[in-house]
PDB file of N, CA and C in Angstrom:
ATOM      1  N   MET A   1     -11.116  22.663 -10.496  1.00  0.00           N
ATOM      2  CA  MET A   1     -11.121  22.016 -11.790  1.00  0.00           C
ATOM      3  C   MET A   1     -11.414  20.529 -11.608  1.00  0.00           C
ATOM      4  N   LYS A   2     -12.395  20.026 -12.318  1.00  0.00           N
ATOM      5  CA  LYS A   2     -12.793  18.631 -12.204  1.00  0.00           C
ATOM      6  C   LYS A   2     -11.875  17.763 -13.069  1.00  0.00           C
ATOM      7  N   PRO A   3     -11.325  16.666 -12.500  1.00  0.00           N
ATOM      8  CA  PRO A   3     -10.452  15.795 -13.293  1.00  0.00           C
ATOM      9  C   PRO A   3     -11.227  15.125 -14.425  1.00  0.00           C
ATOM     10  N   THR A   4     -10.582  14.994 -15.555  1.00  0.00           N
ATOM     11  CA  THR A   4     -11.189  14.324 -16.702  1.00  0.00           C
ATOM     12  C   THR A   4     -10.324  13.147 -17.100  1.00  0.00           C
ATOM     13  N   MET A   5     -10.880  12.276 -17.942  1.00  0.00           N
ATOM     14  CA  MET A   5     -10.116  11.125 -18.427  1.00  0.00           C
ATOM     15  C   MET A   5      -8.908  11.590 -19.233  1.00  0.00           C
ATOM     16  N   GLU A   6      -9.062  12.672 -19.971  1.00  0.00           N
ATOM     17  CA  GLU A   6      -7.944  13.190 -20.774  1.00  0.00           C
ATOM     18  C   GLU A   6      -6.806  13.640 -19.871  1.00  0.00           C
ATOM     19  N   ASN A   7      -7.141  14.381 -18.800  1.00  0.00           N
ATOM     20  CA  ASN A   7      -6.112  14.828 -17.856  1.00  0.00           C
ATOM     21  C   ASN A   7      -5.455  13.641 -17.163  1.00  0.00           C
ATOM     22  N   ALA A   8      -6.267  12.649 -16.780  1.00  0.00           N
ATOM     23  CA  ALA A   8      -5.723  11.467 -16.111  1.00  0.00           C
ATOM     24  C   ALA A   8      -4.781  10.709 -17.038  1.00  0.00           C
ATOM     25  N   GLY A   9      -5.158  10.566 -18.300  1.00  0.00           N
ATOM     26  CA  GLY A   9      -4.300   9.891 -19.272  1.00  0.00           C
ATOM     27  C   GLY A   9      -2.977  10.604 -19.462  1.00  0.00           C
ATOM     28  N   LYS A  10      -3.030  11.932 -19.522  1.00  0.00           N
ATOM     29  CA  LYS A  10      -1.797  12.717 -19.678  1.00  0.00           C
ATOM     30  C   LYS A  10      -0.891  12.546 -18.463  1.00  0.00           C
ATOM     31  N   ARG A  11      -1.492  12.521 -17.272  1.00  0.00           N
ATOM     32  CA  ARG A  11      -0.691  12.355 -16.056  1.00  0.00           C
ATOM     33  C   ARG A  11      -0.017  10.985 -16.026  1.00  0.00           C
ATOM     34  N   VAL A  12      -0.749   9.947 -16.454  1.00  0.00           N
ATOM     35  CA  VAL A  12      -0.173   8.597 -16.486  1.00  0.00           C
ATOM     36  C   VAL A  12       0.990   8.545 -17.474  1.00  0.00           C
ATOM     37  N   LEU A  13       0.806   9.125 -18.664  1.00  0.00           N
ATOM     38  CA  LEU A  13       1.881   9.129 -19.663  1.00  0.00           C
ATOM     39  C   LEU A  13       3.098   9.908 -19.181  1.00  0.00           C
ATOM     40  N   CYS A  14       2.883  11.029 -18.524  1.00  0.00           N
ATOM     41  CA  CYS A  14       4.008  11.805 -17.968  1.00  0.00           C
ATOM     42  C   CYS A  14       4.741  11.008 -16.904  1.00  0.00           C
ATOM     43  N   TYR A  15       3.994  10.311 -16.053  1.00  0.00           N
ATOM     44  CA  TYR A  15       4.602   9.485 -15.018  1.00  0.00           C
ATOM     45  C   TYR A  15       5.435   8.368 -15.642  1.00  0.00           C
ATOM     46  N   LEU A  16       4.881   7.679 -16.633  1.00  0.00           N
ATOM     47  CA  LEU A  16       5.605   6.583 -17.280  1.00  0.00           C
ATOM     48  C   LEU A  16       6.869   7.081 -17.958  1.00  0.00           C
ATOM     49  N   GLU A  17       6.803   8.239 -18.581  1.00  0.00           N
ATOM     50  CA  GLU A  17       7.989   8.798 -19.239  1.00  0.00           C
ATOM     51  C   GLU A  17       9.066   9.158 -18.217  1.00  0.00           C
ATOM     52  N   ALA A  18       8.659   9.692 -17.077  1.00  0.00           N
ATOM     53  CA  ALA A  18       9.617  10.130 -16.063  1.00  0.00           C
ATOM     54  C   ALA A  18      10.222   8.975 -15.273  1.00  0.00           C
ATOM     55  N   THR A  19       9.608   7.797 -15.302  1.00  0.00           N
ATOM     56  CA  THR A  19      10.077   6.678 -14.482  1.00  0.00           C
ATOM     57  C   THR A  19      10.545   5.490 -15.318  1.00  0.00           C
ATOM     58  N   GLN A  20      11.013   5.732 -16.534  1.00  0.00           N
ATOM     59  CA  GLN A  20      11.445   4.647 -17.407  1.00  0.00           C
ATOM     60  C   GLN A  20      12.618   3.858 -16.840  1.00  0.00           C
ATOM     61  N   ASP A  21      13.462   4.504 -16.030  1.00  0.00           N
ATOM     62  CA  ASP A  21      14.650   3.833 -15.506  1.00  0.00           C
ATOM     63  C   ASP A  21      14.367   3.020 -14.242  1.00  0.00           C
ATOM     64  N   LEU A  22      13.150   3.079 -13.702  1.00  0.00           N
ATOM     65  CA  LEU A  22      12.807   2.311 -12.510  1.00  0.00           C
ATOM     66  C   LEU A  22      12.330   0.922 -12.910  1.00  0.00           C
ATOM     67  N   LYS A  23      12.599  -0.063 -12.043  1.00  0.00           N
ATOM     68  CA  LYS A  23      12.169  -1.429 -12.336  1.00  0.00           C
ATOM     69  C   LYS A  23      11.983  -2.199 -11.044  1.00  0.00           C
ATOM     70  N   LEU A  24      11.214  -3.264 -11.118  1.00  0.00           N
ATOM     71  CA  LEU A  24      11.047  -4.180 -10.004  1.00  0.00           C
ATOM     72  C   LEU A  24      12.076  -5.288 -10.123  1.00  0.00           C
ATOM     73  N   VAL A  25      12.654  -5.673  -9.009  1.00  0.00           N
ATOM     74  CA  VAL A  25      13.644  -6.742  -8.994  1.00  0.00           C
ATOM     75  C   VAL A  25      13.095  -7.870  -8.127  1.00  0.00           C
ATOM     76  N   ASN A  26      13.051  -9.055  -8.681  1.00  0.00           N
ATOM     77  CA  ASN A  26      12.580 -10.224  -7.944  1.00  0.00           C
ATOM     78  C   ASN A  26      13.738 -11.176  -7.692  1.00  0.00           C
ATOM     79  N   LYS A  27      13.784 -11.688  -6.464  1.00  0.00           N
ATOM     80  CA  LYS A  27      14.808 -12.670  -6.112  1.00  0.00           C
ATOM     81  C   LYS A  27      14.430 -14.020  -6.707  1.00  0.00           C
ATOM     82  N   LYS A  28      15.416 -14.737  -7.196  1.00  0.00           N
ATOM     83  CA  LYS A  28      15.170 -16.090  -7.697  1.00  0.00           C
ATOM     84  C   LYS A  28      15.512 -17.077  -6.589  1.00  0.00           C
ATOM     85  N   THR A  29      14.473 -17.664  -6.011  1.00  0.00           N
ATOM     86  CA  THR A  29      14.674 -18.645  -4.946  1.00  0.00           C
ATOM     87  C   THR A  29      13.849 -19.891  -5.248  1.00  0.00           C
ATOM     88  N   GLN A  30      14.202 -20.962  -4.612  1.00  0.00           N
ATOM     89  CA  GLN A  30      13.523 -22.245  -4.815  1.00  0.00           C
ATOM     90  C   GLN A  30      12.643 -22.630  -3.628  1.00  0.00           C
ATOM     91  N   ASP A  31      12.630 -21.819  -2.569  1.00  0.00           N
ATOM     92  CA  ASP A  31      11.983 -22.251  -1.332  1.00  0.00           C
ATOM     93  C   ASP A  31      10.453 -22.206  -1.369  1.00  0.00           C
ATOM     94  N   GLY A  32       9.838 -21.391  -2.180  1.00  0.00           N
ATOM     95  CA  GLY A  32       8.381 -21.326  -2.264  1.00  0.00           C
ATOM     96  C   GLY A  32       7.714 -20.822  -1.000  1.00  0.00           C
ATOM     97  N   SER A  33       8.417 -20.016  -0.219  1.00  0.00           N
ATOM     98  CA  SER A  33       7.857 -19.553   1.053  1.00  0.00           C
ATOM     99  C   SER A  33       6.846 -18.430   0.837  1.00  0.00           C
ATOM    100  N   LEU A  34       5.852 -18.389   1.714  1.00  0.00           N
ATOM    101  CA  LEU A  34       4.833 -17.353   1.705  1.00  0.00           C
ATOM    102  C   LEU A  34       4.761 -16.764   3.105  1.00  0.00           C
ATOM    103  N   HIS A  35       4.979 -15.466   3.222  1.00  0.00           N
ATOM    104  CA  HIS A  35       4.941 -14.779   4.511  1.00  0.00           C
ATOM    105  C   HIS A  35       4.002 -13.593   4.406  1.00  0.00           C
ATOM    106  N   ALA A  36       3.156 -13.408   5.415  1.00  0.00           N
ATOM    107  CA  ALA A  36       2.244 -12.275   5.467  1.00  0.00           C
ATOM    108  C   ALA A  36       2.424 -11.575   6.810  1.00  0.00           C
ATOM    109  N   TYR A  37       2.466 -10.262   6.780  1.00  0.00           N
ATOM    110  CA  TYR A  37       2.635  -9.453   7.984  1.00  0.00           C
ATOM    111  C   TYR A  37       1.497  -8.448   8.051  1.00  0.00           C
ATOM    112  N   SER A  38       1.000  -8.222   9.256  1.00  0.00           N
ATOM    113  CA  SER A  38      -0.045  -7.217   9.436  1.00  0.00           C
ATOM    114  C   SER A  38       0.256  -6.407  10.686  1.00  0.00           C
ATOM    115  N   ASP A  39      -0.298  -5.203  10.719  1.00  0.00           N
ATOM    116  CA  ASP A  39      -0.083  -4.324  11.854  1.00  0.00           C
ATOM    117  C   ASP A  39      -1.276  -3.377  11.949  1.00  0.00           C
ATOM    118  N   ALA A  40      -1.589  -2.974  13.150  1.00  0.00           N
ATOM    119  CA  ALA A  40      -2.645  -1.989  13.375  1.00  0.00           C
ATOM    120  C   ALA A  40      -2.152  -1.005  14.417  1.00  0.00           C
ATOM    121  N   ASP A  41      -2.592   0.236  14.291  1.00  0.00           N
ATOM    122  CA  ASP A  41      -2.150   1.264  15.215  1.00  0.00           C
ATOM    123  C   ASP A  41      -3.269   2.265  15.423  1.00  0.00           C
ATOM    124  N   CYS A  42      -3.501   2.620  16.664  1.00  0.00           N
ATOM    125  CA  CYS A  42      -4.482   3.644  16.998  1.00  0.00           C
ATOM    126  C   CYS A  42      -3.738   4.821  17.595  1.00  0.00           C
ATOM    127  N   VAL A  43      -3.833   5.953  16.945  1.00  0.00           N
ATOM    128  CA  VAL A  43      -3.146   7.157  17.408  1.00  0.00           C
ATOM    129  C   VAL A  43      -4.140   7.997  18.189  1.00  0.00           C
ATOM    130  N   ARG A  44      -3.913   8.121  19.454  1.00  0.00           N
ATOM    131  CA  ARG A  44      -4.837   8.862  20.311  1.00  0.00           C
ATOM    132  C   ARG A  44      -4.825  10.359  20.005  1.00  0.00           C
ATOM    133  N   GLU A  45      -3.705  10.886  19.517  1.00  0.00           N
ATOM    134  CA  GLU A  45      -3.579  12.316  19.292  1.00  0.00           C
ATOM    135  C   GLU A  45      -4.140  12.760  17.940  1.00  0.00           C
ATOM    136  N   SER A  46      -4.515  11.816  17.064  1.00  0.00           N
ATOM    137  CA  SER A  46      -5.015  12.213  15.750  1.00  0.00           C
ATOM    138  C   SER A  46      -6.380  12.886  15.888  1.00  0.00           C
ATOM    139  N   LYS A  47      -6.710  13.730  14.928  1.00  0.00           N
ATOM    140  CA  LYS A  47      -7.946  14.510  14.999  1.00  0.00           C
ATOM    141  C   LYS A  47      -9.191  13.633  14.929  1.00  0.00           C
ATOM    142  N   ASP A  48      -9.185  12.614  14.073  1.00  0.00           N
ATOM    143  CA  ASP A  48     -10.376  11.791  13.908  1.00  0.00           C
ATOM    144  C   ASP A  48     -10.380  10.540  14.786  1.00  0.00           C
ATOM    145  N   ARG A  49      -9.271  10.238  15.466  1.00  0.00           N
ATOM    146  CA  ARG A  49      -9.128   9.104  16.390  1.00  0.00           C
ATOM    147  C   ARG A  49      -9.402   7.755  15.729  1.00  0.00           C
ATOM    148  N   LYS A  50      -9.250   7.661  14.417  1.00  0.00           N
ATOM    149  CA  LYS A  50      -9.457   6.398  13.717  1.00  0.00           C
ATOM    150  C   LYS A  50      -8.159   5.600  13.692  1.00  0.00           C
ATOM    151  N   CYS A  51      -8.285   4.295  13.740  1.00  0.00           N
ATOM    152  CA  CYS A  51      -7.132   3.399  13.706  1.00  0.00           C
ATOM    153  C   CYS A  51      -6.730   3.111  12.266  1.00  0.00           C
ATOM    154  N   GLY A  52      -5.475   2.799  12.074  1.00  0.00           N
ATOM    155  CA  GLY A  52      -4.977   2.411  10.764  1.00  0.00           C
ATOM    156  C   GLY A  52      -4.455   0.992  10.808  1.00  0.00           C
ATOM    157  N   SER A  53      -4.492   0.325   9.672  1.00  0.00           N
ATOM    158  CA  SER A  53      -3.971  -1.034   9.603  1.00  0.00           C
ATOM    159  C   SER A  53      -3.284  -1.237   8.262  1.00  0.00           C
ATOM    160  N   GLY A  54      -2.409  -2.222   8.230  1.00  0.00           N
ATOM    161  CA  GLY A  54      -1.694  -2.510   7.005  1.00  0.00           C
ATOM    162  C   GLY A  54      -1.323  -3.978   6.909  1.00  0.00           C
ATOM    163  N   VAL A  55      -1.137  -4.441   5.682  1.00  0.00           N
ATOM    164  CA  VAL A  55      -0.776  -5.832   5.407  1.00  0.00           C
ATOM    165  C   VAL A  55       0.270  -5.848   4.305  1.00  0.00           C
ATOM    166  N   ALA A  56       1.255  -6.726   4.433  1.00  0.00           N
ATOM    167  CA  ALA A  56       2.245  -6.956   3.376  1.00  0.00           C
ATOM    168  C   ALA A  56       2.404  -8.462   3.199  1.00  0.00           C
ATOM    169  N   VAL A  57       2.378  -8.925   1.947  1.00  0.00           N
ATOM    170  CA  VAL A  57       2.487 -10.354   1.644  1.00  0.00           C
ATOM    171  C   VAL A  57       3.711 -10.560   0.751  1.00  0.00           C
ATOM    172  N   TYR A  58       4.575 -11.494   1.173  1.00  0.00           N
ATOM    173  CA  TYR A  58       5.802 -11.819   0.435  1.00  0.00           C
ATOM    174  C   TYR A  58       5.740 -13.265  -0.035  1.00  0.00           C
ATOM    175  N   PHE A  59       6.088 -13.507  -1.297  1.00  0.00           N
ATOM    176  CA  PHE A  59       6.201 -14.854  -1.844  1.00  0.00           C
ATOM    177  C   PHE A  59       7.624 -15.026  -2.347  1.00  0.00           C
ATOM    178  N   CYS A  60       8.320 -16.031  -1.823  1.00  0.00           N
ATOM    179  CA  CYS A  60       9.734 -16.274  -2.162  1.00  0.00           C
ATOM    180  C   CYS A  60      10.586 -15.033  -1.922  1.00  0.00           C
ATOM    181  N   GLY A  61      10.285 -14.278  -0.872  1.00  0.00           N
ATOM    182  CA  GLY A  61      11.060 -13.102  -0.525  1.00  0.00           C
ATOM    183  C   GLY A  61      10.728 -11.862  -1.328  1.00  0.00           C
ATOM    184  N   ASN A  62       9.733 -11.921  -2.215  1.00  0.00           N
ATOM    185  CA  ASN A  62       9.347 -10.781  -3.044  1.00  0.00           C
ATOM    186  C   ASN A  62       7.988 -10.253  -2.617  1.00  0.00           C
ATOM    187  N   LEU A  63       7.872  -8.947  -2.460  1.00  0.00           N
ATOM    188  CA  LEU A  63       6.604  -8.331  -2.096  1.00  0.00           C
ATOM    189  C   LEU A  63       5.626  -8.485  -3.258  1.00  0.00           C
ATOM    190  N   VAL A  64       4.498  -9.153  -3.017  1.00  0.00           N
ATOM    191  CA  VAL A  64       3.521  -9.379  -4.081  1.00  0.00           C
ATOM    192  C   VAL A  64       2.197  -8.666  -3.817  1.00  0.00           C
ATOM    193  N   SER A  65       1.941  -8.246  -2.594  1.00  0.00           N
ATOM    194  CA  SER A  65       0.697  -7.553  -2.294  1.00  0.00           C
ATOM    195  C   SER A  65       0.869  -6.731  -1.025  1.00  0.00           C
ATOM    196  N   TRP A  66       0.188  -5.593  -0.976  1.00  0.00           N
ATOM    197  CA  TRP A  66       0.211  -4.779   0.230  1.00  0.00           C
ATOM    198  C   TRP A  66      -1.077  -3.963   0.281  1.00  0.00           C
ATOM    199  N   MET A  67      -1.405  -3.506   1.495  1.00  0.00           N
ATOM    200  CA  MET A  67      -2.597  -2.725   1.703  1.00  0.00           C
ATOM    201  C   MET A  67      -2.402  -1.871   2.947  1.00  0.00           C
ATOM    202  N   SER A  68      -2.883  -0.658   2.892  1.00  0.00           N
ATOM    203  CA  SER A  68      -2.870   0.225   4.043  1.00  0.00           C
ATOM    204  C   SER A  68      -4.199   0.963   4.054  1.00  0.00           C
ATOM    205  N   LYS A  69      -4.825   1.029   5.231  1.00  0.00           N
ATOM    206  CA  LYS A  69      -6.161   1.609   5.275  1.00  0.00           C
ATOM    207  C   LYS A  69      -6.430   2.234   6.633  1.00  0.00           C
ATOM    208  N   LYS A  70      -7.118   3.353   6.594  1.00  0.00           N
ATOM    209  CA  LYS A  70      -7.627   3.947   7.822  1.00  0.00           C
ATOM    210  C   LYS A  70      -9.015   3.360   8.057  1.00  0.00           C
ATOM    211  N   GLN A  71      -9.260   2.889   9.269  1.00  0.00           N
ATOM    212  CA  GLN A  71     -10.526   2.238   9.571  1.00  0.00           C
ATOM    213  C   GLN A  71     -11.686   3.222   9.460  1.00  0.00           C
ATOM    214  N   SER A  72     -12.861   2.726   9.098  1.00  0.00           N
ATOM    215  CA  SER A  72     -14.029   3.582   8.895  1.00  0.00           C
ATOM    216  C   SER A  72     -14.737   3.932  10.199  1.00  0.00           C
ATOM    217  N   MET A  73     -14.457   3.187  11.279  1.00  0.00           N
ATOM    218  CA  MET A  73     -15.113   3.447  12.572  1.00  0.00           C
ATOM    219  C   MET A  73     -14.066   3.801  13.619  1.00  0.00           C
ATOM    220  N   VAL A  74     -14.506   4.503  14.623  1.00  0.00           N
ATOM    221  CA  VAL A  74     -13.631   4.859  15.750  1.00  0.00           C
ATOM    222  C   VAL A  74     -13.735   3.759  16.803  1.00  0.00           C
ATOM    223  N   ALA A  75     -12.600   3.273  17.257  1.00  0.00           N
ATOM    224  CA  ALA A  75     -12.574   2.253  18.303  1.00  0.00           C
ATOM    225  C   ALA A  75     -12.639   2.924  19.673  1.00  0.00           C
ATOM    226  N   LEU A  76     -13.581   2.486  20.478  1.00  0.00           N
ATOM    227  CA  LEU A  76     -13.699   3.034  21.824  1.00  0.00           C
ATOM    228  C   LEU A  76     -12.825   2.276  22.809  1.00  0.00           C
ATOM    229  N   SER A  77     -12.463   1.042  22.477  1.00  0.00           N
ATOM    230  CA  SER A  77     -11.568   0.266  23.322  1.00  0.00           C
ATOM    231  C   SER A  77     -10.806  -0.718  22.452  1.00  0.00           C
ATOM    232  N   THR A  78      -9.676  -1.197  22.960  1.00  0.00           N
ATOM    233  CA  THR A  78      -8.872  -2.176  22.248  1.00  0.00           C
ATOM    234  C   THR A  78      -8.585  -3.345  23.163  1.00  0.00           C
ATOM    235  N   ALA A  79      -8.277  -4.477  22.600  1.00  0.00           N
ATOM    236  CA  ALA A  79      -7.963  -5.662  23.403  1.00  0.00           C
ATOM    237  C   ALA A  79      -6.655  -6.243  22.954  1.00  0.00           C
TER     238      ALA A  79
END
């Protein structure tokens, strides 16, 4: 079955209805600090042998951005 905009809209509305009690909590701080963390990992036992990487960015102790991705190329060596 091919997804349609109508089906996608219904799924979003169902999700919003089911998660009404969830919320984001932000710390109130005055320090203005910005911290970014990144990591990469190559799993030799995986079927496609592709590496994965991720990034998380925190502003004033609150997570404001994140990313996780499997690399598009296979690494033959690492440094």
